[in-house]
């Protein structure tokens, strides 16, 4: 039972990490951000899209956090 729960958590973390990687790959913080990307970013707690440097920093911190949770 505990192993299936741990597997579920691992799969969820992998999915979050994959979504974050895709956003990082596709997003240009210096261009207008598509609404779909904004909704995804808001899901992860990023709500300020006005500063491209802060947005980039927040994305990197999220990726680092997701990587740390896996280990």
N, C-alpha and C. Protein backbone atom coordinates (compact mmCIF):
# COMPACT_ATOMS: atom_id res chain seq x y z
N UNK A 1 0.82 -1.19 0.00
CA UNK A 1 0.00 0.00 0.00
C UNK A 1 0.86 1.26 0.00
N UNK A 2 1.83 1.31 0.88
CA UNK A 2 2.69 2.49 0.97
C UNK A 2 3.50 2.67 -0.32
N UNK A 3 3.88 1.54 -0.95
CA UNK A 3 4.66 1.64 -2.18
C UNK A 3 3.85 2.24 -3.32
N UNK A 4 2.57 1.90 -3.42
CA UNK A 4 1.75 2.49 -4.48
C UNK A 4 1.56 3.98 -4.24
N UNK A 5 1.45 4.38 -2.97
CA UNK A 5 1.35 5.80 -2.64
C UNK A 5 2.63 6.53 -3.02
N UNK A 6 3.77 5.94 -2.69
CA UNK A 6 5.06 6.55 -3.04
C UNK A 6 5.23 6.62 -4.55
N UNK A 7 4.78 5.61 -5.26
CA UNK A 7 4.86 5.61 -6.72
C UNK A 7 4.00 6.72 -7.29
N UNK A 8 2.81 6.91 -6.70
CA UNK A 8 1.92 7.98 -7.15
C UNK A 8 2.58 9.34 -6.95
N UNK A 9 3.19 9.55 -5.80
CA UNK A 9 3.88 10.82 -5.52
C UNK A 9 5.01 11.02 -6.51
N UNK A 10 5.77 9.99 -6.77
CA UNK A 10 6.88 10.08 -7.72
C UNK A 10 6.37 10.44 -9.11
N UNK A 11 5.29 9.81 -9.53
CA UNK A 11 4.71 10.11 -10.84
C UNK A 11 4.23 11.55 -10.90
N UNK A 12 3.60 12.04 -9.82
CA UNK A 12 3.13 13.42 -9.79
C UNK A 12 4.31 14.39 -9.86
N UNK A 13 5.38 14.09 -9.13
CA UNK A 13 6.56 14.95 -9.16
C UNK A 13 7.19 14.96 -10.54
N UNK A 14 7.24 13.78 -11.19
CA UNK A 14 7.78 13.71 -12.54
C UNK A 14 6.94 14.53 -13.51
N UNK A 15 5.62 14.47 -13.34
CA UNK A 15 4.73 15.25 -14.20
C UNK A 15 4.93 16.75 -14.00
N UNK A 16 5.03 17.17 -12.74
CA UNK A 16 5.26 18.59 -12.45
C UNK A 16 6.59 19.04 -13.06
N UNK A 17 7.60 18.22 -12.89
CA UNK A 17 8.92 18.56 -13.42
C UNK A 17 8.88 18.65 -14.94
N UNK A 18 8.16 17.75 -15.59
CA UNK A 18 8.04 17.77 -17.05
C UNK A 18 7.32 19.03 -17.51
N UNK A 19 6.27 19.41 -16.79
CA UNK A 19 5.54 20.64 -17.14
C UNK A 19 6.45 21.84 -16.98
N UNK A 20 7.17 21.91 -15.87
CA UNK A 20 8.08 23.04 -15.64
C UNK A 20 9.17 23.10 -16.70
N UNK A 21 9.72 21.97 -17.06
CA UNK A 21 10.76 21.94 -18.10
C UNK A 21 10.21 22.45 -19.44
N UNK A 22 8.99 22.03 -19.76
CA UNK A 22 8.38 22.47 -21.02
C UNK A 22 8.15 23.98 -21.00
N UNK A 23 7.66 24.48 -19.90
CA UNK A 23 7.45 25.94 -19.78
C UNK A 23 8.78 26.66 -19.94
N UNK A 24 9.81 26.18 -19.27
CA UNK A 24 11.12 26.82 -19.37
C UNK A 24 11.65 26.79 -20.80
N UNK A 25 11.40 25.71 -21.49
CA UNK A 25 11.88 25.56 -22.86
C UNK A 25 11.12 26.47 -23.82
N UNK A 26 9.80 26.56 -23.65
CA UNK A 26 8.96 27.26 -24.61
C UNK A 26 8.75 28.74 -24.30
N UNK A 27 8.90 29.13 -23.06
CA UNK A 27 8.54 30.48 -22.64
C UNK A 27 9.66 31.48 -22.93
N UNK A 28 9.28 32.60 -23.51
CA UNK A 28 10.19 33.73 -23.67
C UNK A 28 9.69 34.81 -22.72
N UNK A 29 10.36 35.01 -21.58
CA UNK A 29 9.86 35.94 -20.58
C UNK A 29 9.87 37.40 -21.04
N UNK A 30 10.53 37.69 -22.16
CA UNK A 30 10.58 39.05 -22.67
C UNK A 30 9.47 39.34 -23.68
N UNK A 31 8.69 38.32 -24.01
CA UNK A 31 7.56 38.46 -24.94
C UNK A 31 6.27 38.31 -24.15
N UNK A 32 5.15 38.71 -24.75
CA UNK A 32 3.87 38.48 -24.05
C UNK A 32 3.68 36.99 -23.75
N UNK A 33 3.21 36.71 -22.57
CA UNK A 33 3.04 35.32 -22.13
C UNK A 33 1.63 34.86 -22.46
N UNK A 34 1.51 33.74 -23.18
CA UNK A 34 0.18 33.22 -23.52
C UNK A 34 -0.64 32.91 -22.26
N UNK A 35 -1.95 33.06 -22.37
CA UNK A 35 -2.85 32.83 -21.24
C UNK A 35 -2.70 31.42 -20.66
N UNK A 36 -2.56 30.43 -21.52
CA UNK A 36 -2.41 29.05 -21.04
C UNK A 36 -1.16 28.92 -20.17
N UNK A 37 -0.07 29.54 -20.60
CA UNK A 37 1.16 29.50 -19.81
C UNK A 37 0.99 30.24 -18.50
N UNK A 38 0.27 31.35 -18.52
CA UNK A 38 0.02 32.10 -17.28
C UNK A 38 -0.73 31.24 -16.27
N UNK A 39 -1.73 30.50 -16.76
CA UNK A 39 -2.51 29.65 -15.86
C UNK A 39 -1.64 28.56 -15.24
N UNK A 40 -0.76 28.00 -16.02
CA UNK A 40 0.15 26.97 -15.50
C UNK A 40 1.10 27.59 -14.47
N UNK A 41 1.64 28.74 -14.80
CA UNK A 41 2.55 29.42 -13.87
C UNK A 41 1.84 29.80 -12.58
N UNK A 42 0.60 30.25 -12.69
CA UNK A 42 -0.18 30.59 -11.49
C UNK A 42 -0.42 29.35 -10.63
N UNK A 43 -0.63 28.21 -11.27
CA UNK A 43 -0.79 26.96 -10.54
C UNK A 43 0.43 26.68 -9.66
N UNK A 44 1.60 27.03 -10.18
CA UNK A 44 2.85 26.82 -9.45
C UNK A 44 3.19 27.98 -8.52
N UNK A 45 2.29 28.99 -8.44
CA UNK A 45 2.49 30.09 -7.50
C UNK A 45 3.14 31.33 -8.08
N UNK A 46 3.38 31.36 -9.37
CA UNK A 46 3.97 32.54 -10.00
C UNK A 46 2.83 33.40 -10.52
N UNK A 47 2.75 34.63 -10.00
CA UNK A 47 1.64 35.49 -10.37
C UNK A 47 2.09 36.81 -11.00
N UNK A 48 3.36 37.14 -10.88
CA UNK A 48 3.87 38.39 -11.44
C UNK A 48 4.62 38.08 -12.73
N UNK A 49 4.08 38.58 -13.84
CA UNK A 49 4.67 38.33 -15.15
C UNK A 49 5.31 39.58 -15.74
N UNK A 50 5.37 40.66 -14.94
CA UNK A 50 5.86 41.93 -15.45
C UNK A 50 7.38 42.02 -15.51
N UNK A 51 8.07 41.23 -14.70
CA UNK A 51 9.53 41.30 -14.64
C UNK A 51 10.12 39.99 -15.18
N UNK A 52 10.68 40.02 -16.39
CA UNK A 52 11.19 38.77 -16.98
C UNK A 52 12.33 38.14 -16.18
N UNK A 53 13.12 38.95 -15.50
CA UNK A 53 14.23 38.40 -14.71
C UNK A 53 13.70 37.68 -13.47
N UNK A 54 12.71 38.27 -12.81
CA UNK A 54 12.10 37.63 -11.65
C UNK A 54 11.37 36.35 -12.06
N UNK A 55 10.69 36.39 -13.19
CA UNK A 55 9.99 35.21 -13.70
C UNK A 55 10.97 34.07 -13.95
N UNK A 56 12.10 34.38 -14.58
CA UNK A 56 13.12 33.37 -14.85
C UNK A 56 13.67 32.80 -13.54
N UNK A 57 13.94 33.68 -12.58
CA UNK A 57 14.45 33.24 -11.28
C UNK A 57 13.44 32.32 -10.59
N UNK A 58 12.16 32.71 -10.61
CA UNK A 58 11.13 31.89 -9.97
C UNK A 58 11.03 30.51 -10.62
N UNK A 59 11.12 30.47 -11.95
CA UNK A 59 11.07 29.18 -12.64
C UNK A 59 12.25 28.29 -12.25
N UNK A 60 13.42 28.88 -12.18
CA UNK A 60 14.60 28.10 -11.78
C UNK A 60 14.47 27.58 -10.36
N UNK A 61 13.95 28.40 -9.47
CA UNK A 61 13.75 27.96 -8.09
C UNK A 61 12.73 26.81 -8.02
N UNK A 62 11.68 26.90 -8.82
CA UNK A 62 10.70 25.81 -8.86
C UNK A 62 11.32 24.51 -9.36
N UNK A 63 12.11 24.61 -10.42
CA UNK A 63 12.78 23.41 -10.94
C UNK A 63 13.72 22.81 -9.89
N UNK A 64 14.43 23.65 -9.21
CA UNK A 64 15.35 23.18 -8.17
C UNK A 64 14.56 22.50 -7.04
N UNK A 65 13.44 23.11 -6.65
CA UNK A 65 12.62 22.54 -5.59
C UNK A 65 12.06 21.18 -5.99
N UNK A 66 11.57 21.07 -7.23
CA UNK A 66 11.03 19.80 -7.71
C UNK A 66 12.11 18.73 -7.78
N UNK A 67 13.32 19.12 -8.18
CA UNK A 67 14.43 18.16 -8.23
C UNK A 67 14.82 17.69 -6.85
N UNK A 68 14.83 18.61 -5.90
CA UNK A 68 15.20 18.28 -4.52
C UNK A 68 14.16 17.35 -3.88
N UNK A 69 12.88 17.55 -4.20
CA UNK A 69 11.83 16.71 -3.63
C UNK A 69 11.94 15.27 -4.11
N UNK A 70 12.50 15.08 -5.29
CA UNK A 70 12.62 13.73 -5.84
C UNK A 70 13.70 12.93 -5.11
N UNK A 71 14.70 13.62 -4.60
CA UNK A 71 15.82 12.92 -3.96
C UNK A 71 15.60 12.83 -2.50
